[in-house]
mmCIF file of all heavy atoms, coordinates in Angstrom:
data_MODEL
# 
_entry.id   MODEL 
# 
loop_
_atom_site.group_PDB 
_atom_site.id 
_atom_site.type_symbol 
_atom_site.label_atom_id 
_atom_site.label_alt_id 
_atom_site.label_comp_id 
_atom_site.label_asym_id 
_atom_site.label_entity_id 
_atom_site.label_seq_id 
_atom_site.pdbx_PDB_ins_code 
_atom_site.Cartn_x 
_atom_site.Cartn_y 
_atom_site.Cartn_z 
_atom_site.occupancy 
_atom_site.B_iso_or_equiv 
_atom_site.pdbx_formal_charge 
_atom_site.auth_seq_id 
_atom_site.auth_comp_id 
_atom_site.auth_asym_id 
_atom_site.auth_atom_id 
_atom_site.pdbx_PDB_model_num 
ATOM 1   N N   . TYR A 1 1  ? 1.870  7.413   3.310  1.00 0.00 ? 1  TYR A N   1 
ATOM 2   C CA  . TYR A 1 1  ? 0.971  7.735   2.190  1.00 0.00 ? 1  TYR A CA  1 
ATOM 3   C C   . TYR A 1 1  ? 0.921  9.243   1.943  1.00 0.00 ? 1  TYR A C   1 
ATOM 4   O O   . TYR A 1 1  ? 1.024  9.702   0.803  1.00 0.00 ? 1  TYR A O   1 
ATOM 5   C CB  . TYR A 1 1  ? -0.436 7.183   2.458  1.00 0.00 ? 1  TYR A CB  1 
ATOM 6   C CG  . TYR A 1 1  ? -1.404 7.523   1.353  1.00 0.00 ? 1  TYR A CG  1 
ATOM 7   C CD1 . TYR A 1 1  ? -1.481 6.745   0.209  1.00 0.00 ? 1  TYR A CD1 1 
ATOM 8   C CD2 . TYR A 1 1  ? -2.215 8.651   1.440  1.00 0.00 ? 1  TYR A CD2 1 
ATOM 9   C CE1 . TYR A 1 1  ? -2.351 7.065   -0.829 1.00 0.00 ? 1  TYR A CE1 1 
ATOM 10  C CE2 . TYR A 1 1  ? -3.080 8.987   0.413  1.00 0.00 ? 1  TYR A CE2 1 
ATOM 11  C CZ  . TYR A 1 1  ? -3.147 8.190   -0.713 1.00 0.00 ? 1  TYR A CZ  1 
ATOM 12  O OH  . TYR A 1 1  ? -3.997 8.523   -1.736 1.00 0.00 ? 1  TYR A OH  1 
ATOM 13  N N   . MET A 1 2  ? 0.744  10.005  3.017  1.00 0.00 ? 2  MET A N   1 
ATOM 14  C CA  . MET A 1 2  ? 0.674  11.463  2.874  1.00 0.00 ? 2  MET A CA  1 
ATOM 15  C C   . MET A 1 2  ? 1.971  12.032  2.309  1.00 0.00 ? 2  MET A C   1 
ATOM 16  O O   . MET A 1 2  ? 1.953  12.905  1.443  1.00 0.00 ? 2  MET A O   1 
ATOM 17  C CB  . MET A 1 2  ? 0.345  12.123  4.211  1.00 0.00 ? 2  MET A CB  1 
ATOM 18  C CG  . MET A 1 2  ? -1.115 12.006  4.575  1.00 0.00 ? 2  MET A CG  1 
ATOM 19  S SD  . MET A 1 2  ? -1.528 12.985  6.016  1.00 0.00 ? 2  MET A SD  1 
ATOM 20  C CE  . MET A 1 2  ? -0.761 12.036  7.295  1.00 0.00 ? 2  MET A CE  1 
ATOM 21  N N   . ALA A 1 3  ? 3.089  11.541  2.817  1.00 0.00 ? 3  ALA A N   1 
ATOM 22  C CA  . ALA A 1 3  ? 4.384  12.041  2.345  1.00 0.00 ? 3  ALA A CA  1 
ATOM 23  C C   . ALA A 1 3  ? 4.544  11.795  0.850  1.00 0.00 ? 3  ALA A C   1 
ATOM 24  O O   . ALA A 1 3  ? 4.987  12.679  0.115  1.00 0.00 ? 3  ALA A O   1 
ATOM 25  C CB  . ALA A 1 3  ? 5.516  11.383  3.121  1.00 0.00 ? 3  ALA A CB  1 
ATOM 26  N N   . GLU A 1 4  ? 4.164  10.615  0.409  1.00 0.00 ? 4  GLU A N   1 
ATOM 27  C CA  . GLU A 1 4  ? 4.379  10.258  -1.001 1.00 0.00 ? 4  GLU A CA  1 
ATOM 28  C C   . GLU A 1 4  ? 3.310  10.820  -1.935 1.00 0.00 ? 4  GLU A C   1 
ATOM 29  O O   . GLU A 1 4  ? 3.622  11.226  -3.055 1.00 0.00 ? 4  GLU A O   1 
ATOM 30  C CB  . GLU A 1 4  ? 4.429  8.740   -1.144 1.00 0.00 ? 4  GLU A CB  1 
ATOM 31  C CG  . GLU A 1 4  ? 5.648  8.131   -0.501 1.00 0.00 ? 4  GLU A CG  1 
ATOM 32  C CD  . GLU A 1 4  ? 5.670  6.622   -0.551 1.00 0.00 ? 4  GLU A CD  1 
ATOM 33  O OE1 . GLU A 1 4  ? 4.600  5.983   -0.690 1.00 0.00 ? 4  GLU A OE1 1 
ATOM 34  O OE2 . GLU A 1 4  ? 6.777  6.075   -0.445 1.00 0.00 ? 4  GLU A OE2 1 
ATOM 35  N N   . ASN A 1 5  ? 2.073  10.847  -1.491 1.00 0.00 ? 5  ASN A N   1 
ATOM 36  C CA  . ASN A 1 5  ? 0.975  11.172  -2.401 1.00 0.00 ? 5  ASN A CA  1 
ATOM 37  C C   . ASN A 1 5  ? 0.395  12.574  -2.234 1.00 0.00 ? 5  ASN A C   1 
ATOM 38  O O   . ASN A 1 5  ? 0.132  13.246  -3.216 1.00 0.00 ? 5  ASN A O   1 
ATOM 39  C CB  . ASN A 1 5  ? -0.144 10.131  -2.258 1.00 0.00 ? 5  ASN A CB  1 
ATOM 40  C CG  . ASN A 1 5  ? 0.343  8.751   -2.620 1.00 0.00 ? 5  ASN A CG  1 
ATOM 41  O OD1 . ASN A 1 5  ? 0.712  8.504   -3.746 1.00 0.00 ? 5  ASN A OD1 1 
ATOM 42  N ND2 . ASN A 1 5  ? 0.385  7.857   -1.650 1.00 0.00 ? 5  ASN A ND2 1 
ATOM 43  N N   . GLU A 1 6  ? 0.178  12.992  -1.015 1.00 0.00 ? 6  GLU A N   1 
ATOM 44  C CA  . GLU A 1 6  ? -0.455 14.292  -0.801 1.00 0.00 ? 6  GLU A CA  1 
ATOM 45  C C   . GLU A 1 6  ? 0.548  15.434  -0.824 1.00 0.00 ? 6  GLU A C   1 
ATOM 46  O O   . GLU A 1 6  ? 0.280  16.498  -1.362 1.00 0.00 ? 6  GLU A O   1 
ATOM 47  C CB  . GLU A 1 6  ? -1.228 14.294  0.512  1.00 0.00 ? 6  GLU A CB  1 
ATOM 48  C CG  . GLU A 1 6  ? -2.439 13.372  0.479  1.00 0.00 ? 6  GLU A CG  1 
ATOM 49  C CD  . GLU A 1 6  ? -3.215 13.383  1.781  1.00 0.00 ? 6  GLU A CD  1 
ATOM 50  O OE1 . GLU A 1 6  ? -3.138 14.394  2.517  1.00 0.00 ? 6  GLU A OE1 1 
ATOM 51  O OE2 . GLU A 1 6  ? -3.888 12.372  2.064  1.00 0.00 ? 6  GLU A OE2 1 
ATOM 52  N N   . TYR A 1 7  ? 1.709  15.214  -0.212 1.00 0.00 ? 7  TYR A N   1 
ATOM 53  C CA  . TYR A 1 7  ? 2.698  16.288  -0.108 1.00 0.00 ? 7  TYR A CA  1 
ATOM 54  C C   . TYR A 1 7  ? 3.874  16.120  -1.062 1.00 0.00 ? 7  TYR A C   1 
ATOM 55  O O   . TYR A 1 7  ? 4.716  17.002  -1.168 1.00 0.00 ? 7  TYR A O   1 
ATOM 56  C CB  . TYR A 1 7  ? 3.218  16.389  1.332  1.00 0.00 ? 7  TYR A CB  1 
ATOM 57  C CG  . TYR A 1 7  ? 2.132  16.711  2.319  1.00 0.00 ? 7  TYR A CG  1 
ATOM 58  C CD1 . TYR A 1 7  ? 1.679  15.756  3.223  1.00 0.00 ? 7  TYR A CD1 1 
ATOM 59  C CD2 . TYR A 1 7  ? 1.557  17.975  2.352  1.00 0.00 ? 7  TYR A CD2 1 
ATOM 60  C CE1 . TYR A 1 7  ? 0.677  16.057  4.138  1.00 0.00 ? 7  TYR A CE1 1 
ATOM 61  C CE2 . TYR A 1 7  ? 0.559  18.280  3.257  1.00 0.00 ? 7  TYR A CE2 1 
ATOM 62  C CZ  . TYR A 1 7  ? 0.120  17.314  4.146  1.00 0.00 ? 7  TYR A CZ  1 
ATOM 63  O OH  . TYR A 1 7  ? -0.869 17.614  5.038  1.00 0.00 ? 7  TYR A OH  1 
ATOM 64  N N   . GLU A 1 8  ? 3.938  14.973  -1.727 1.00 0.00 ? 8  GLU A N   1 
ATOM 65  C CA  . GLU A 1 8  ? 5.021  14.651  -2.660 1.00 0.00 ? 8  GLU A CA  1 
ATOM 66  C C   . GLU A 1 8  ? 6.390  14.881  -2.044 1.00 0.00 ? 8  GLU A C   1 
ATOM 67  O O   . GLU A 1 8  ? 7.284  15.489  -2.636 1.00 0.00 ? 8  GLU A O   1 
ATOM 68  C CB  . GLU A 1 8  ? 4.846  15.439  -3.962 1.00 0.00 ? 8  GLU A CB  1 
ATOM 69  C CG  . GLU A 1 8  ? 3.584  15.059  -4.705 1.00 0.00 ? 8  GLU A CG  1 
ATOM 70  C CD  . GLU A 1 8  ? 3.396  15.807  -6.012 1.00 0.00 ? 8  GLU A CD  1 
ATOM 71  O OE1 . GLU A 1 8  ? 4.278  16.611  -6.395 1.00 0.00 ? 8  GLU A OE1 1 
ATOM 72  O OE2 . GLU A 1 8  ? 2.366  15.576  -6.658 1.00 0.00 ? 8  GLU A OE2 1 
ATOM 73  N N   . GLU A 1 9  ? 6.545  14.401  -0.827 1.00 0.00 ? 9  GLU A N   1 
ATOM 74  C CA  . GLU A 1 9  ? 7.820  14.489  -0.104 1.00 0.00 ? 9  GLU A CA  1 
ATOM 75  C C   . GLU A 1 9  ? 8.388  13.085  0.067  1.00 0.00 ? 9  GLU A C   1 
ATOM 76  O O   . GLU A 1 9  ? 8.410  12.518  1.154  1.00 0.00 ? 9  GLU A O   1 
ATOM 77  C CB  . GLU A 1 9  ? 7.616  15.182  1.248  1.00 0.00 ? 9  GLU A CB  1 
ATOM 78  C CG  . GLU A 1 9  ? 7.184  16.616  1.116  1.00 0.00 ? 9  GLU A CG  1 
ATOM 79  C CD  . GLU A 1 9  ? 6.994  17.307  2.446  1.00 0.00 ? 9  GLU A CD  1 
ATOM 80  O OE1 . GLU A 1 9  ? 6.665  16.639  3.448  1.00 0.00 ? 9  GLU A OE1 1 
ATOM 81  O OE2 . GLU A 1 9  ? 7.185  18.529  2.488  1.00 0.00 ? 9  GLU A OE2 1 
ATOM 82  N N   . ASN A 1 10 ? 8.843  12.544  -1.045 1.00 0.00 ? 10 ASN A N   1 
ATOM 83  C CA  . ASN A 1 10 ? 9.358  11.172  -1.041 1.00 0.00 ? 10 ASN A CA  1 
ATOM 84  C C   . ASN A 1 10 ? 10.574 11.018  -0.133 1.00 0.00 ? 10 ASN A C   1 
ATOM 85  O O   . ASN A 1 10 ? 10.786 9.955   0.441  1.00 0.00 ? 10 ASN A O   1 
ATOM 86  C CB  . ASN A 1 10 ? 9.676  10.715  -2.459 1.00 0.00 ? 10 ASN A CB  1 
ATOM 87  C CG  . ASN A 1 10 ? 8.422  10.548  -3.285 1.00 0.00 ? 10 ASN A CG  1 
ATOM 88  O OD1 . ASN A 1 10 ? 7.359  10.213  -2.758 1.00 0.00 ? 10 ASN A OD1 1 
ATOM 89  N ND2 . ASN A 1 10 ? 8.521  10.807  -4.569 1.00 0.00 ? 10 ASN A ND2 1 
ATOM 90  N N   . GLU A 1 11 ? 11.375 12.059  -0.017 1.00 0.00 ? 11 GLU A N   1 
ATOM 91  C CA  . GLU A 1 11 ? 12.552 11.997  0.861  1.00 0.00 ? 11 GLU A CA  1 
ATOM 92  C C   . GLU A 1 11 ? 12.126 11.834  2.327  1.00 0.00 ? 11 GLU A C   1 
ATOM 93  O O   . GLU A 1 11 ? 12.779 11.125  3.080  1.00 0.00 ? 11 GLU A O   1 
ATOM 94  C CB  . GLU A 1 11 ? 13.421 13.235  0.691  1.00 0.00 ? 11 GLU A CB  1 
ATOM 95  C CG  . GLU A 1 11 ? 14.241 13.238  -0.571 1.00 0.00 ? 11 GLU A CG  1 
ATOM 96  C CD  . GLU A 1 11 ? 15.201 12.051  -0.647 1.00 0.00 ? 11 GLU A CD  1 
ATOM 97  O OE1 . GLU A 1 11 ? 15.918 11.776  0.347  1.00 0.00 ? 11 GLU A OE1 1 
ATOM 98  O OE2 . GLU A 1 11 ? 15.244 11.406  -1.705 1.00 0.00 ? 11 GLU A OE2 1 
ATOM 99  N N   . PHE A 1 12 ? 11.043 12.491  2.706  1.00 0.00 ? 12 PHE A N   1 
ATOM 100 C CA  . PHE A 1 12 ? 10.560 12.356  4.078  1.00 0.00 ? 12 PHE A CA  1 
ATOM 101 C C   . PHE A 1 12 ? 9.993  10.955  4.300  1.00 0.00 ? 12 PHE A C   1 
ATOM 102 O O   . PHE A 1 12 ? 10.208 10.355  5.354  1.00 0.00 ? 12 PHE A O   1 
ATOM 103 C CB  . PHE A 1 12 ? 9.514  13.425  4.403  1.00 0.00 ? 12 PHE A CB  1 
ATOM 104 C CG  . PHE A 1 12 ? 9.110  13.440  5.851  1.00 0.00 ? 12 PHE A CG  1 
ATOM 105 C CD1 . PHE A 1 12 ? 10.043 13.714  6.840  1.00 0.00 ? 12 PHE A CD1 1 
ATOM 106 C CD2 . PHE A 1 12 ? 7.811  13.184  6.228  1.00 0.00 ? 12 PHE A CD2 1 
ATOM 107 C CE1 . PHE A 1 12 ? 9.689  13.721  8.183  1.00 0.00 ? 12 PHE A CE1 1 
ATOM 108 C CE2 . PHE A 1 12 ? 7.438  13.192  7.561  1.00 0.00 ? 12 PHE A CE2 1 
ATOM 109 C CZ  . PHE A 1 12 ? 8.382  13.459  8.540  1.00 0.00 ? 12 PHE A CZ  1 
ATOM 110 N N   . ALA A 1 13 ? 9.297  10.420  3.327  1.00 0.00 ? 13 ALA A N   1 
ATOM 111 C CA  . ALA A 1 13 ? 8.789  9.046   3.423  1.00 0.00 ? 13 ALA A CA  1 
ATOM 112 C C   . ALA A 1 13 ? 9.950  8.071   3.570  1.00 0.00 ? 13 ALA A C   1 
ATOM 113 O O   . ALA A 1 13 ? 9.916  7.153   4.397  1.00 0.00 ? 13 ALA A O   1 
ATOM 114 C CB  . ALA A 1 13 ? 7.954  8.697   2.200  1.00 0.00 ? 13 ALA A CB  1 
ATOM 115 N N   . LYS A 1 14 ? 10.991 8.281   2.791  1.00 0.00 ? 14 LYS A N   1 
ATOM 116 C CA  . LYS A 1 14 ? 12.196 7.441   2.873  1.00 0.00 ? 14 LYS A CA  1 
ATOM 117 C C   . LYS A 1 14 ? 12.829 7.572   4.251  1.00 0.00 ? 14 LYS A C   1 
ATOM 118 O O   . LYS A 1 14 ? 13.231 6.581   4.863  1.00 0.00 ? 14 LYS A O   1 
ATOM 119 C CB  . LYS A 1 14 ? 13.189 7.850   1.789  1.00 0.00 ? 14 LYS A CB  1 
ATOM 120 C CG  . LYS A 1 14 ? 14.451 7.051   1.768  1.00 0.00 ? 14 LYS A CG  1 
ATOM 121 C CD  . LYS A 1 14 ? 15.398 7.538   0.679  1.00 0.00 ? 14 LYS A CD  1 
ATOM 122 C CE  . LYS A 1 14 ? 16.705 6.778   0.756  1.00 0.00 ? 14 LYS A CE  1 
ATOM 123 N NZ  . LYS A 1 14 ? 17.725 7.349   -0.114 1.00 0.00 ? 14 LYS A NZ  1 
ATOM 124 N N   . TYR A 1 15 ? 12.912 8.787   4.749  1.00 0.00 ? 15 TYR A N   1 
ATOM 125 C CA  . TYR A 1 15 ? 13.457 9.049   6.090  1.00 0.00 ? 15 TYR A CA  1 
ATOM 126 C C   . TYR A 1 15 ? 12.677 8.278   7.151  1.00 0.00 ? 15 TYR A C   1 
ATOM 127 O O   . TYR A 1 15 ? 13.270 7.629   8.017  1.00 0.00 ? 15 TYR A O   1 
ATOM 128 C CB  . TYR A 1 15 ? 13.425 10.551  6.365  1.00 0.00 ? 15 TYR A CB  1 
ATOM 129 C CG  . TYR A 1 15 ? 13.760 10.927  7.779  1.00 0.00 ? 15 TYR A CG  1 
ATOM 130 C CD1 . TYR A 1 15 ? 15.084 10.994  8.199  1.00 0.00 ? 15 TYR A CD1 1 
ATOM 131 C CD2 . TYR A 1 15 ? 12.759 11.224  8.698  1.00 0.00 ? 15 TYR A CD2 1 
ATOM 132 C CE1 . TYR A 1 15 ? 15.407 11.345  9.499  1.00 0.00 ? 15 TYR A CE1 1 
ATOM 133 C CE2 . TYR A 1 15 ? 13.063 11.576  9.998  1.00 0.00 ? 15 TYR A CE2 1 
ATOM 134 C CZ  . TYR A 1 15 ? 14.383 11.631  10.393 1.00 0.00 ? 15 TYR A CZ  1 
ATOM 135 O OH  . TYR A 1 15 ? 14.685 11.969  11.679 1.00 0.00 ? 15 TYR A OH  1 
ATOM 136 N N   . LEU A 1 16 ? 11.354 8.336   7.089  1.00 0.00 ? 16 LEU A N   1 
ATOM 137 C CA  . LEU A 1 16 ? 10.530 7.621   8.066  1.00 0.00 ? 16 LEU A CA  1 
ATOM 138 C C   . LEU A 1 16 ? 10.772 6.109   7.999  1.00 0.00 ? 16 LEU A C   1 
ATOM 139 O O   . LEU A 1 16 ? 10.896 5.451   9.030  1.00 0.00 ? 16 LEU A O   1 
ATOM 140 C CB  . LEU A 1 16 ? 9.045  7.927   7.849  1.00 0.00 ? 16 LEU A CB  1 
ATOM 141 C CG  . LEU A 1 16 ? 8.591  9.339   8.173  1.00 0.00 ? 16 LEU A CG  1 
ATOM 142 C CD1 . LEU A 1 16 ? 7.134  9.535   7.763  1.00 0.00 ? 16 LEU A CD1 1 
ATOM 143 C CD2 . LEU A 1 16 ? 8.778  9.636   9.656  1.00 0.00 ? 16 LEU A CD2 1 
ATOM 144 N N   . ARG A 1 17 ? 10.839 5.593   6.804  1.00 0.00 ? 17 ARG A N   1 
ATOM 145 C CA  . ARG A 1 17 ? 11.080 4.148   6.656  1.00 0.00 ? 17 ARG A CA  1 
ATOM 146 C C   . ARG A 1 17 ? 12.450 3.752   7.200  1.00 0.00 ? 17 ARG A C   1 
ATOM 147 O O   . ARG A 1 17 ? 12.589 2.738   7.873  1.00 0.00 ? 17 ARG A O   1 
ATOM 148 C CB  . ARG A 1 17 ? 10.972 3.746   5.195  1.00 0.00 ? 17 ARG A CB  1 
ATOM 149 C CG  . ARG A 1 17 ? 9.564  3.656   4.696  1.00 0.00 ? 17 ARG A CG  1 
ATOM 150 C CD  . ARG A 1 17 ? 9.528  2.993   3.316  1.00 0.00 ? 17 ARG A CD  1 
ATOM 151 N NE  . ARG A 1 17 ? 8.191  2.936   2.815  1.00 0.00 ? 17 ARG A NE  1 
ATOM 152 C CZ  . ARG A 1 17 ? 7.702  3.774   1.895  1.00 0.00 ? 17 ARG A CZ  1 
ATOM 153 N NH1 . ARG A 1 17 ? 8.464  4.731   1.391  1.00 0.00 ? 17 ARG A NH1 1 
ATOM 154 N NH2 . ARG A 1 17 ? 6.461  3.650   1.482  1.00 0.00 ? 17 ARG A NH2 1 
ATOM 155 N N   . GLU A 1 18 ? 13.461 4.551   6.884  1.00 0.00 ? 18 GLU A N   1 
ATOM 156 C CA  . GLU A 1 18 ? 14.817 4.221   7.319  1.00 0.00 ? 18 GLU A CA  1 
ATOM 157 C C   . GLU A 1 18 ? 15.007 4.378   8.823  1.00 0.00 ? 18 GLU A C   1 
ATOM 158 O O   . GLU A 1 18 ? 15.890 3.746   9.398  1.00 0.00 ? 18 GLU A O   1 
ATOM 159 C CB  . GLU A 1 18 ? 15.824 5.085   6.563  1.00 0.00 ? 18 GLU A CB  1 
ATOM 160 C CG  . GLU A 1 18 ? 15.958 4.707   5.113  1.00 0.00 ? 18 GLU A CG  1 
ATOM 161 C CD  . GLU A 1 18 ? 16.874 5.636   4.334  1.00 0.00 ? 18 GLU A CD  1 
ATOM 162 O OE1 . GLU A 1 18 ? 17.309 6.680   4.888  1.00 0.00 ? 18 GLU A OE1 1 
ATOM 163 O OE2 . GLU A 1 18 ? 17.154 5.322   3.161  1.00 0.00 ? 18 GLU A OE2 1 
ATOM 164 N N   . CYS A 1 19 ? 14.223 5.220   9.443  1.00 0.00 ? 19 CYS A N   1 
ATOM 165 C CA  . CYS A 1 19 ? 14.343 5.445   10.891 1.00 0.00 ? 19 CYS A CA  1 
ATOM 166 C C   . CYS A 1 19 ? 13.611 4.403   11.722 1.00 0.00 ? 19 CYS A C   1 
ATOM 167 O O   . CYS A 1 19 ? 13.743 4.391   12.941 1.00 0.00 ? 19 CYS A O   1 
ATOM 168 C CB  . CYS A 1 19 ? 13.826 6.835   11.252 1.00 0.00 ? 19 CYS A CB  1 
ATOM 169 S SG  . CYS A 1 19 ? 14.933 8.137   10.702 1.00 0.00 ? 19 CYS A SG  1 
ATOM 170 N N   . THR A 1 20 ? 12.865 3.549   11.069 1.00 0.00 ? 20 THR A N   1 
ATOM 171 C CA  . THR A 1 20 ? 12.162 2.492   11.799 1.00 0.00 ? 20 THR A CA  1 
ATOM 172 C C   . THR A 1 20 ? 13.195 1.479   12.282 1.00 0.00 ? 20 THR A C   1 
ATOM 173 O O   . THR A 1 20 ? 13.882 0.848   11.492 1.00 0.00 ? 20 THR A O   1 
ATOM 174 C CB  . THR A 1 20 ? 11.126 1.803   10.894 1.00 0.00 ? 20 THR A CB  1 
ATOM 175 O OG1 . THR A 1 20 ? 10.204 2.792   10.432 1.00 0.00 ? 20 THR A OG1 1 
ATOM 176 C CG2 . THR A 1 20 ? 10.390 0.711   11.643 1.00 0.00 ? 20 THR A CG2 1 
ATOM 177 N N   . VAL A 1 21 ? 13.291 1.350   13.601 1.00 0.00 ? 21 VAL A N   1 
ATOM 178 C CA  . VAL A 1 21 ? 14.298 0.472   14.181 1.00 0.00 ? 21 VAL A CA  1 
ATOM 179 C C   . VAL A 1 21 ? 13.753 -0.936  14.365 1.00 0.00 ? 21 VAL A C   1 
ATOM 180 O O   . VAL A 1 21 ? 14.433 -1.916  14.096 1.00 0.00 ? 21 VAL A O   1 
ATOM 181 C CB  . VAL A 1 21 ? 14.784 1.041   15.536 1.00 0.00 ? 21 VAL A CB  1 
ATOM 182 C CG1 . VAL A 1 21 ? 15.723 0.085   16.229 1.00 0.00 ? 21 VAL A CG1 1 
ATOM 183 C CG2 . VAL A 1 21 ? 15.436 2.384   15.333 1.00 0.00 ? 21 VAL A CG2 1 
ATOM 184 N N   . ILE A 1 22 ? 12.517 -1.030  14.811 1.00 0.00 ? 22 ILE A N   1 
ATOM 185 C CA  . ILE A 1 22 ? 11.922 -2.339  15.040 1.00 0.00 ? 22 ILE A CA  1 
ATOM 186 C C   . ILE A 1 22 ? 10.435 -2.268  14.744 1.00 0.00 ? 22 ILE A C   1 
ATOM 187 O O   . ILE A 1 22 ? 9.790  -1.257  15.010 1.00 0.00 ? 22 ILE A O   1 
ATOM 188 C CB  . ILE A 1 22 ? 12.172 -2.831  16.488 1.00 0.00 ? 22 ILE A CB  1 
ATOM 189 C CG1 . ILE A 1 22 ? 11.689 -4.262  16.686 1.00 0.00 ? 22 ILE A CG1 1 
ATOM 190 C CG2 . ILE A 1 22 ? 11.526 -1.899  17.490 1.00 0.00 ? 22 ILE A CG2 1 
ATOM 191 C CD1 . ILE A 1 22 ? 12.138 -4.878  17.991 1.00 0.00 ? 22 ILE A CD1 1 
ATOM 192 N N   . THR A 1 23 ? 9.925  -3.327  14.153 1.00 0.00 ? 23 THR A N   1 
ATOM 193 C CA  . THR A 1 23 ? 8.499  -3.438  13.894 1.00 0.00 ? 23 THR A CA  1 
ATOM 194 C C   . THR A 1 23 ? 7.973  -4.579  14.753 1.00 0.00 ? 23 THR A C   1 
ATOM 195 O O   . THR A 1 23 ? 8.405  -5.720  14.604 1.00 0.00 ? 23 THR A O   1 
ATOM 196 C CB  . THR A 1 23 ? 8.227  -3.728  12.405 1.00 0.00 ? 23 THR A CB  1 
ATOM 197 O OG1 . THR A 1 23 ? 8.801  -2.672  11.635 1.00 0.00 ? 23 THR A OG1 1 
ATOM 198 C CG2 . THR A 1 23 ? 6.747  -3.814  12.126 1.00 0.00 ? 23 THR A CG2 1 
ATOM 199 N N   . LEU A 1 24 ? 7.080  -4.228  15.657 1.00 0.00 ? 24 LEU A N   1 
ATOM 200 C CA  . LEU A 1 24 ? 6.500  -5.230  16.546 1.00 0.00 ? 24 LEU A CA  1 
ATOM 201 C C   . LEU A 1 24 ? 5.125  -5.626  16.033 1.00 0.00 ? 24 LEU A C   1 
ATOM 202 O O   . LEU A 1 24 ? 4.330  -4.767  15.669 1.00 0.00 ? 24 LEU A O   1 
ATOM 203 C CB  . LEU A 1 24 ? 6.381  -4.668  17.966 1.00 0.00 ? 24 LEU A CB  1 
ATOM 204 C CG  . LEU A 1 24 ? 7.692  -4.230  18.603 1.00 0.00 ? 24 LEU A CG  1 
ATOM 205 C CD1 . LEU A 1 24 ? 7.425  -3.559  19.939 1.00 0.00 ? 24 LEU A CD1 1 
ATOM 206 C CD2 . LEU A 1 24 ? 8.626  -5.403  18.768 1.00 0.00 ? 24 LEU A CD2 1 
ATOM 207 N N   . LEU A 1 25 ? 4.886  -6.914  16.012 1.00 0.00 ? 25 LEU A N   1 
ATOM 208 C CA  . LEU A 1 25 ? 3.608  -7.438  15.564 1.00 0.00 ? 25 LEU A CA  1 
ATOM 209 C C   . LEU A 1 25 ? 3.027  -8.315  16.662 1.00 0.00 ? 25 LEU A C   1 
ATOM 210 O O   . LEU A 1 25 ? 3.742  -8.783  17.544 1.00 0.00 ? 25 LEU A O   1 
ATOM 211 C CB  . LEU A 1 25 ? 3.787  -8.245  14.279 1.00 0.00 ? 25 LEU A CB  1 
ATOM 212 C CG  . LEU A 1 25 ? 4.463  -7.499  13.125 1.00 0.00 ? 25 LEU A CG  1 
ATOM 213 C CD1 . LEU A 1 25 ? 4.812  -8.459  12.012 1.00 0.00 ? 25 LEU A CD1 1 
ATOM 214 C CD2 . LEU A 1 25 ? 3.573  -6.386  12.634 1.00 0.00 ? 25 LEU A CD2 1 
ATOM 215 N N   . ASP A 1 26 ? 1.771  -8.558  16.586 1.00 0.00 ? 26 ASP A N   1 
ATOM 216 C CA  . ASP A 1 26 ? 1.109  -9.350  17.618 1.00 0.00 ? 26 ASP A CA  1 
ATOM 217 C C   . ASP A 1 26 ? 0.757  -10.746 17.113 1.00 0.00 ? 26 ASP A C   1 
ATOM 218 O O   . ASP A 1 26 ? 0.043  -11.475 17.762 1.00 0.00 ? 26 ASP A O   1 
ATOM 219 C CB  . ASP A 1 26 ? -0.161 -8.622  18.075 1.00 0.00 ? 26 ASP A CB  1 
ATOM 220 C CG  . ASP A 1 26 ? -0.588 -9.023  19.462 1.00 0.00 ? 26 ASP A CG  1 
ATOM 221 O OD1 . ASP A 1 26 ? 0.243  -9.575  20.195 1.00 0.00 ? 26 ASP A OD1 1 
ATOM 222 O OD2 . ASP A 1 26 ? -1.753 -8.785  19.803 1.00 0.00 ? 26 ASP A OD2 1 
ATOM 223 N N   . GLU A 1 27 ? 1.279  -11.121 15.954 1.00 0.00 ? 27 GLU A N   1 
ATOM 224 C CA  . GLU A 1 27 ? 0.903  -12.396 15.368 1.00 0.00 ? 27 GLU A CA  1 
ATOM 225 C C   . GLU A 1 27 ? 1.673  -13.581 15.951 1.00 0.00 ? 27 GLU A C   1 
ATOM 226 O O   . GLU A 1 27 ? 1.175  -14.698 15.940 1.00 0.00 ? 27 GLU A O   1 
ATOM 227 C CB  . GLU A 1 27 ? 1.054  -12.349 13.851 1.00 0.00 ? 27 GLU A CB  1 
ATOM 228 C CG  . GLU A 1 27 ? 2.454  -11.998 13.403 1.00 0.00 ? 27 GLU A CG  1 
ATOM 229 C CD  . GLU A 1 27 ? 2.527  -11.599 11.949 1.00 0.00 ? 27 GLU A CD  1 
ATOM 230 O OE1 . GLU A 1 27 ? 1.540  -11.071 11.419 1.00 0.00 ? 27 GLU A OE1 1 
ATOM 231 O OE2 . GLU A 1 27 ? 3.593  -11.835 11.352 1.00 0.00 ? 27 GLU A OE2 1 
# 
């Protein structure tokens, strides 16, 4: 949210999303 809205660094937001290797959930 901060990357996209507060700092307008969409490339960094994209970087964070792409670097996510696994999402663990407890459901």
